[in-house]
Amino acid sequence: MTVPDIPSLISAARAAQHHAARAALARGLRHPITRTLLAAAAMAAATAYQAGHRVHDIHHHDRRFSDE
């Protein structure tokens, strides 16, 4: 099995996260569509992580809220 290009994994994880967040805002966390999209976002992030991608590459760190 071939692993897709890392930038496409990052894009897929970000898009899935964005869709899940929009569904949560529009329908609430208990709606079946929201739960399905959250699961898809988790799977996309896990796939990127397993391909050697760091969590910070998907979730950009905002230095304004950092202790560093």
PDB file of N, CA and C in Angstrom:
ATOM      1  N   MET A   1       0.847  -1.183   0.000  1.00  0.00           N
ATOM      2  CA  MET A   1       0.000   0.000   0.000  1.00  0.00           C
ATOM      3  C   MET A   1       0.888   1.240   0.000  1.00  0.00           C
ATOM      4  N   THR A   2       0.585   2.180  -0.847  1.00  0.00           N
ATOM      5  CA  THR A   2       1.362   3.413  -0.890  1.00  0.00           C
ATOM      6  C   THR A   2       0.693   4.478  -0.040  1.00  0.00           C
ATOM      7  N   VAL A   3       1.525   5.275   0.591  1.00  0.00           N
ATOM      8  CA  VAL A   3       1.028   6.374   1.422  1.00  0.00           C
ATOM      9  C   VAL A   3       0.997   7.632   0.571  1.00  0.00           C
ATOM     10  N   PRO A   4      -0.097   8.397   0.608  1.00  0.00           N
ATOM     11  CA  PRO A   4      -0.173   9.635  -0.180  1.00  0.00           C
ATOM     12  C   PRO A   4       0.885  10.642   0.247  1.00  0.00           C
ATOM     13  N   ASP A   5       1.116  11.601  -0.598  1.00  0.00           N
ATOM     14  CA  ASP A   5       2.060  12.671  -0.329  1.00  0.00           C
ATOM     15  C   ASP A   5       1.702  13.380   0.976  1.00  0.00           C
ATOM     16  N   ILE A   6       2.710  13.724   1.798  1.00  0.00           N
ATOM     17  CA  ILE A   6       2.449  14.332   3.104  1.00  0.00           C
ATOM     18  C   ILE A   6       1.676  15.650   3.000  1.00  0.00           C
ATOM     19  N   PRO A   7       1.999  16.557   2.076  1.00  0.00           N
ATOM     20  CA  PRO A   7       1.177  17.778   2.005  1.00  0.00           C
ATOM     21  C   PRO A   7      -0.301  17.487   1.743  1.00  0.00           C
ATOM     22  N   SER A   8      -0.601  16.451   0.972  1.00  0.00           N
ATOM     23  CA  SER A   8      -2.013  16.143   0.740  1.00  0.00           C
ATOM     24  C   SER A   8      -2.656  15.568   2.002  1.00  0.00           C
ATOM     25  N   LEU A   9      -1.876  14.846   2.815  1.00  0.00           N
ATOM     26  CA  LEU A   9      -2.398  14.354   4.093  1.00  0.00           C
ATOM     27  C   LEU A   9      -2.693  15.512   5.030  1.00  0.00           C
ATOM     28  N   ILE A  10      -1.826  16.503   5.033  1.00  0.00           N
ATOM     29  CA  ILE A  10      -2.032  17.684   5.868  1.00  0.00           C
ATOM     30  C   ILE A  10      -3.292  18.420   5.423  1.00  0.00           C
ATOM     31  N   SER A  11      -3.429  18.606   4.131  1.00  0.00           N
ATOM     32  CA  SER A  11      -4.606  19.301   3.594  1.00  0.00           C
ATOM     33  C   SER A  11      -5.884  18.541   3.921  1.00  0.00           C
ATOM     34  N   ALA A  12      -5.840  17.224   3.797  1.00  0.00           N
ATOM     35  CA  ALA A  12      -7.021  16.414   4.095  1.00  0.00           C
ATOM     36  C   ALA A  12      -7.397  16.526   5.568  1.00  0.00           C
ATOM     37  N   ALA A  13      -6.408  16.482   6.451  1.00  0.00           N
ATOM     38  CA  ALA A  13      -6.687  16.576   7.883  1.00  0.00           C
ATOM     39  C   ALA A  13      -7.246  17.951   8.253  1.00  0.00           C
ATOM     40  N   ARG A  14      -6.672  18.998   7.672  1.00  0.00           N
ATOM     41  CA  ARG A  14      -7.169  20.352   7.947  1.00  0.00           C
ATOM     42  C   ARG A  14      -8.593  20.533   7.426  1.00  0.00           C
ATOM     43  N   ALA A  15      -8.849  20.039   6.227  1.00  0.00           N
ATOM     44  CA  ALA A  15     -10.192  20.175   5.653  1.00  0.00           C
ATOM     45  C   ALA A  15     -11.213  19.403   6.484  1.00  0.00           C
ATOM     46  N   ALA A  16     -10.857  18.199   6.894  1.00  0.00           N
ATOM     47  CA  ALA A  16     -11.776  17.400   7.709  1.00  0.00           C
ATOM     48  C   ALA A  16     -12.058  18.088   9.039  1.00  0.00           C
ATOM     49  N   GLN A  17     -11.030  18.661   9.633  1.00  0.00           N
ATOM     50  CA  GLN A  17     -11.205  19.377  10.894  1.00  0.00           C
ATOM     51  C   GLN A  17     -12.119  20.593  10.698  1.00  0.00           C
ATOM     52  N   HIS A  18     -11.923  21.300   9.609  1.00  0.00           N
ATOM     53  CA  HIS A  18     -12.729  22.485   9.313  1.00  0.00           C
ATOM     54  C   HIS A  18     -14.206  22.103   9.126  1.00  0.00           C
ATOM     55  N   HIS A  19     -14.456  21.045   8.364  1.00  0.00           N
ATOM     56  CA  HIS A  19     -15.836  20.597   8.143  1.00  0.00           C
ATOM     57  C   HIS A  19     -16.489  20.155   9.453  1.00  0.00           C
ATOM     58  N   ALA A  20     -15.738  19.467  10.284  1.00  0.00           N
ATOM     59  CA  ALA A  20     -16.285  19.005  11.566  1.00  0.00           C
ATOM     60  C   ALA A  20     -16.605  20.195  12.477  1.00  0.00           C
ATOM     61  N   ALA A  21     -15.736  21.181  12.493  1.00  0.00           N
ATOM     62  CA  ALA A  21     -15.977  22.358  13.330  1.00  0.00           C
ATOM     63  C   ALA A  21     -17.213  23.124  12.858  1.00  0.00           C
ATOM     64  N   ARG A  22     -17.362  23.257  11.542  1.00  0.00           N
ATOM     65  CA  ARG A  22     -18.545  23.951  11.013  1.00  0.00           C
ATOM     66  C   ARG A  22     -19.827  23.190  11.334  1.00  0.00           C
ATOM     67  N   ALA A  23     -19.769  21.874  11.233  1.00  0.00           N
ATOM     68  CA  ALA A  23     -20.949  21.063  11.558  1.00  0.00           C
ATOM     69  C   ALA A  23     -21.287  21.179  13.039  1.00  0.00           C
ATOM     70  N   ALA A  24     -20.274  21.211  13.890  1.00  0.00           N
ATOM     71  CA  ALA A  24     -20.502  21.340  15.331  1.00  0.00           C
ATOM     72  C   ALA A  24     -21.169  22.671  15.653  1.00  0.00           C
ATOM     73  N   LEU A  25     -20.730  23.722  14.993  1.00  0.00           N
ATOM     74  CA  LEU A  25     -21.337  25.034  15.225  1.00  0.00           C
ATOM     75  C   LEU A  25     -22.771  25.097  14.703  1.00  0.00           C
ATOM     76  N   ALA A  26     -23.010  24.484  13.570  1.00  0.00           N
ATOM     77  CA  ALA A  26     -24.333  24.565  12.943  1.00  0.00           C
ATOM     78  C   ALA A  26     -25.350  23.599  13.555  1.00  0.00           C
ATOM     79  N   ARG A  27     -24.879  22.401  13.935  1.00  0.00           N
ATOM     80  CA  ARG A  27     -25.820  21.360  14.356  1.00  0.00           C
ATOM     81  C   ARG A  27     -25.655  20.907  15.796  1.00  0.00           C
ATOM     82  N   GLY A  28     -24.527  21.222  16.400  1.00  0.00           N
ATOM     83  CA  GLY A  28     -24.247  20.757  17.757  1.00  0.00           C
ATOM     84  C   GLY A  28     -23.431  19.473  17.752  1.00  0.00           C
ATOM     85  N   LEU A  29     -22.829  19.166  18.889  1.00  0.00           N
ATOM     86  CA  LEU A  29     -21.939  18.015  18.980  1.00  0.00           C
ATOM     87  C   LEU A  29     -22.652  16.671  18.958  1.00  0.00           C
ATOM     88  N   ARG A  30     -23.928  16.648  19.307  1.00  0.00           N
ATOM     89  CA  ARG A  30     -24.644  15.376  19.387  1.00  0.00           C
ATOM     90  C   ARG A  30     -25.272  14.937  18.067  1.00  0.00           C
ATOM     91  N   HIS A  31     -25.231  15.781  17.059  1.00  0.00           N
ATOM     92  CA  HIS A  31     -25.839  15.445  15.778  1.00  0.00           C
ATOM     93  C   HIS A  31     -25.020  14.356  15.089  1.00  0.00           C
ATOM     94  N   PRO A  32     -25.688  13.377  14.461  1.00  0.00           N
ATOM     95  CA  PRO A  32     -24.968  12.275  13.808  1.00  0.00           C
ATOM     96  C   PRO A  32     -23.988  12.729  12.719  1.00  0.00           C
ATOM     97  N   ILE A  33     -24.339  13.762  11.976  1.00  0.00           N
ATOM     98  CA  ILE A  33     -23.426  14.262  10.941  1.00  0.00           C
ATOM     99  C   ILE A  33     -22.162  14.828  11.580  1.00  0.00           C
ATOM    100  N   THR A  34     -22.323  15.566  12.661  1.00  0.00           N
ATOM    101  CA  THR A  34     -21.168  16.123  13.352  1.00  0.00           C
ATOM    102  C   THR A  34     -20.265  15.011  13.863  1.00  0.00           C
ATOM    103  N   ARG A  35     -20.863  14.008  14.465  1.00  0.00           N
ATOM    104  CA  ARG A  35     -20.068  12.887  14.994  1.00  0.00           C
ATOM    105  C   ARG A  35     -19.335  12.149  13.884  1.00  0.00           C
ATOM    106  N   THR A  36     -19.979  11.981  12.745  1.00  0.00           N
ATOM    107  CA  THR A  36     -19.336  11.325  11.610  1.00  0.00           C
ATOM    108  C   THR A  36     -18.164  12.154  11.099  1.00  0.00           C
ATOM    109  N   LEU A  37     -18.364  13.464  10.988  1.00  0.00           N
ATOM    110  CA  LEU A  37     -17.286  14.338  10.518  1.00  0.00           C
ATOM    111  C   LEU A  37     -16.136  14.413  11.525  1.00  0.00           C
ATOM    112  N   LEU A  38     -16.444  14.379  12.814  1.00  0.00           N
ATOM    113  CA  LEU A  38     -15.382  14.346  13.829  1.00  0.00           C
ATOM    114  C   LEU A  38     -14.573  13.059  13.722  1.00  0.00           C
ATOM    115  N   ALA A  39     -15.244  11.948  13.476  1.00  0.00           N
ATOM    116  CA  ALA A  39     -14.539  10.674  13.303  1.00  0.00           C
ATOM    117  C   ALA A  39     -13.657  10.712  12.055  1.00  0.00           C
ATOM    118  N   ALA A  40     -14.166  11.291  10.982  1.00  0.00           N
ATOM    119  CA  ALA A  40     -13.371  11.409   9.754  1.00  0.00           C
ATOM    120  C   ALA A  40     -12.155  12.300   9.979  1.00  0.00           C
ATOM    121  N   ALA A  41     -12.322  13.376  10.735  1.00  0.00           N
ATOM    122  CA  ALA A  41     -11.199  14.267  11.035  1.00  0.00           C
ATOM    123  C   ALA A  41     -10.151  13.543  11.874  1.00  0.00           C
ATOM    124  N   ALA A  42     -10.598  12.748  12.825  1.00  0.00           N
ATOM    125  CA  ALA A  42      -9.658  11.983  13.652  1.00  0.00           C
ATOM    126  C   ALA A  42      -8.891  10.968  12.809  1.00  0.00           C
ATOM    127  N   MET A  43      -9.581  10.321  11.902  1.00  0.00           N
ATOM    128  CA  MET A  43      -8.922   9.343  11.029  1.00  0.00           C
ATOM    129  C   MET A  43      -7.914  10.021  10.101  1.00  0.00           C
ATOM    130  N   ALA A  44      -8.261  11.169   9.564  1.00  0.00           N
ATOM    131  CA  ALA A  44      -7.349  11.900   8.680  1.00  0.00           C
ATOM    132  C   ALA A  44      -6.109  12.350   9.448  1.00  0.00           C
ATOM    133  N   ALA A  45      -6.303  12.830  10.670  1.00  0.00           N
ATOM    134  CA  ALA A  45      -5.163  13.255  11.491  1.00  0.00           C
ATOM    135  C   ALA A  45      -4.294  12.058  11.867  1.00  0.00           C
ATOM    136  N   ALA A  46      -4.908  10.931  12.186  1.00  0.00           N
ATOM    137  CA  ALA A  46      -4.145   9.733  12.536  1.00  0.00           C
ATOM    138  C   ALA A  46      -3.335   9.221  11.347  1.00  0.00           C
ATOM    139  N   THR A  47      -3.915   9.293  10.161  1.00  0.00           N
ATOM    140  CA  THR A  47      -3.205   8.867   8.961  1.00  0.00           C
ATOM    141  C   THR A  47      -1.983   9.747   8.711  1.00  0.00           C
ATOM    142  N   ALA A  48      -2.146  11.047   8.863  1.00  0.00           N
ATOM    143  CA  ALA A  48      -1.020  11.966   8.694  1.00  0.00           C
ATOM    144  C   ALA A  48       0.053  11.706   9.752  1.00  0.00           C
ATOM    145  N   TYR A  49      -0.365  11.454  10.979  1.00  0.00           N
ATOM    146  CA  TYR A  49       0.578  11.184  12.067  1.00  0.00           C
ATOM    147  C   TYR A  49       1.349   9.892  11.806  1.00  0.00           C
ATOM    148  N   GLN A  50       0.652   8.855  11.360  1.00  0.00           N
ATOM    149  CA  GLN A  50       1.305   7.583  11.081  1.00  0.00           C
ATOM    150  C   GLN A  50       2.271   7.671   9.913  1.00  0.00           C
ATOM    151  N   ALA A  51       2.074   8.629   9.042  1.00  0.00           N
ATOM    152  CA  ALA A  51       2.973   8.832   7.908  1.00  0.00           C
ATOM    153  C   ALA A  51       4.202   9.647   8.305  1.00  0.00           C
ATOM    154  N   GLY A  52       4.322   9.970   9.605  1.00  0.00           N
ATOM    155  CA  GLY A  52       5.493  10.695  10.083  1.00  0.00           C
ATOM    156  C   GLY A  52       5.294  12.186  10.214  1.00  0.00           C
ATOM    157  N   HIS A  53       4.079  12.607  10.118  1.00  0.00           N
ATOM    158  CA  HIS A  53       3.747  14.021  10.166  1.00  0.00           C
ATOM    159  C   HIS A  53       3.518  14.444  11.612  1.00  0.00           C
ATOM    160  N   ARG A  54       4.000  15.613  12.017  1.00  0.00           N
ATOM    161  CA  ARG A  54       3.836  16.088  13.391  1.00  0.00           C
ATOM    162  C   ARG A  54       2.483  16.758  13.581  1.00  0.00           C
ATOM    163  N   VAL A  55       1.995  16.707  14.806  1.00  0.00           N
ATOM    164  CA  VAL A  55       0.702  17.310  15.132  1.00  0.00           C
ATOM    165  C   VAL A  55       0.740  18.820  14.872  1.00  0.00           C
ATOM    166  N   HIS A  56       1.852  19.464  15.136  1.00  0.00           N
ATOM    167  CA  HIS A  56       1.954  20.920  14.955  1.00  0.00           C
ATOM    168  C   HIS A  56       1.828  21.335  13.490  1.00  0.00           C
ATOM    169  N   ASP A  57       2.051  20.406  12.577  1.00  0.00           N
ATOM    170  CA  ASP A  57       1.896  20.747  11.164  1.00  0.00           C
ATOM    171  C   ASP A  57       0.423  20.894  10.774  1.00  0.00           C
ATOM    172  N   ILE A  58      -0.460  20.228  11.511  1.00  0.00           N
ATOM    173  CA  ILE A  58      -1.896  20.369  11.259  1.00  0.00           C
ATOM    174  C   ILE A  58      -2.457  21.514  12.098  1.00  0.00           C
ATOM    175  N   HIS A  59      -2.098  21.512  13.376  1.00  0.00           N
ATOM    176  CA  HIS A  59      -2.593  22.513  14.319  1.00  0.00           C
ATOM    177  C   HIS A  59      -1.495  23.536  14.557  1.00  0.00           C
ATOM    178  N   HIS A  60      -1.576  24.631  13.859  1.00  0.00           N
ATOM    179  CA  HIS A  60      -0.551  25.659  13.994  1.00  0.00           C
ATOM    180  C   HIS A  60      -0.574  26.248  15.391  1.00  0.00           C
ATOM    181  N   HIS A  61       0.609  26.458  15.923  1.00  0.00           N
ATOM    182  CA  HIS A  61       0.762  26.981  17.278  1.00  0.00           C
ATOM    183  C   HIS A  61       0.722  28.507  17.238  1.00  0.00           C
ATOM    184  N   ASP A  62      -0.107  29.090  18.041  1.00  0.00           N
ATOM    185  CA  ASP A  62      -0.205  30.548  18.125  1.00  0.00           C
ATOM    186  C   ASP A  62       0.650  31.009  19.302  1.00  0.00           C
ATOM    187  N   ARG A  63       1.723  31.669  19.012  1.00  0.00           N
ATOM    188  CA  ARG A  63       2.676  32.082  20.051  1.00  0.00           C
ATOM    189  C   ARG A  63       2.084  33.084  21.038  1.00  0.00           C
ATOM    190  N   ARG A  64       0.975  33.736  20.669  1.00  0.00           N
ATOM    191  CA  ARG A  64       0.366  34.696  21.598  1.00  0.00           C
ATOM    192  C   ARG A  64      -0.140  34.010  22.849  1.00  0.00           C
ATOM    193  N   PHE A  65      -0.473  32.722  22.752  1.00  0.00           N
ATOM    194  CA  PHE A  65      -1.023  31.995  23.877  1.00  0.00           C
ATOM    195  C   PHE A  65      -0.040  30.999  24.465  1.00  0.00           C
ATOM    196  N   SER A  66       1.236  31.181  24.169  1.00  0.00           N
ATOM    197  CA  SER A  66       2.250  30.252  24.621  1.00  0.00           C
ATOM    198  C   SER A  66       2.915  30.729  25.909  1.00  0.00           C
ATOM    199  N   ASP A  67       3.372  29.766  26.702  1.00  0.00           N
ATOM    200  CA  ASP A  67       4.128  30.094  27.920  1.00  0.00           C
ATOM    201  C   ASP A  67       5.583  30.344  27.611  1.00  0.00           C
ATOM    202  N   GLU A  68       6.003  30.007  26.409  1.00  0.00           N
ATOM    203  CA  GLU A  68       7.418  30.137  26.027  1.00  0.00           C
ATOM    204  C   GLU A  68       7.768  31.559  25.684  1.00  0.00           C
TER     205      GLU A  68
END
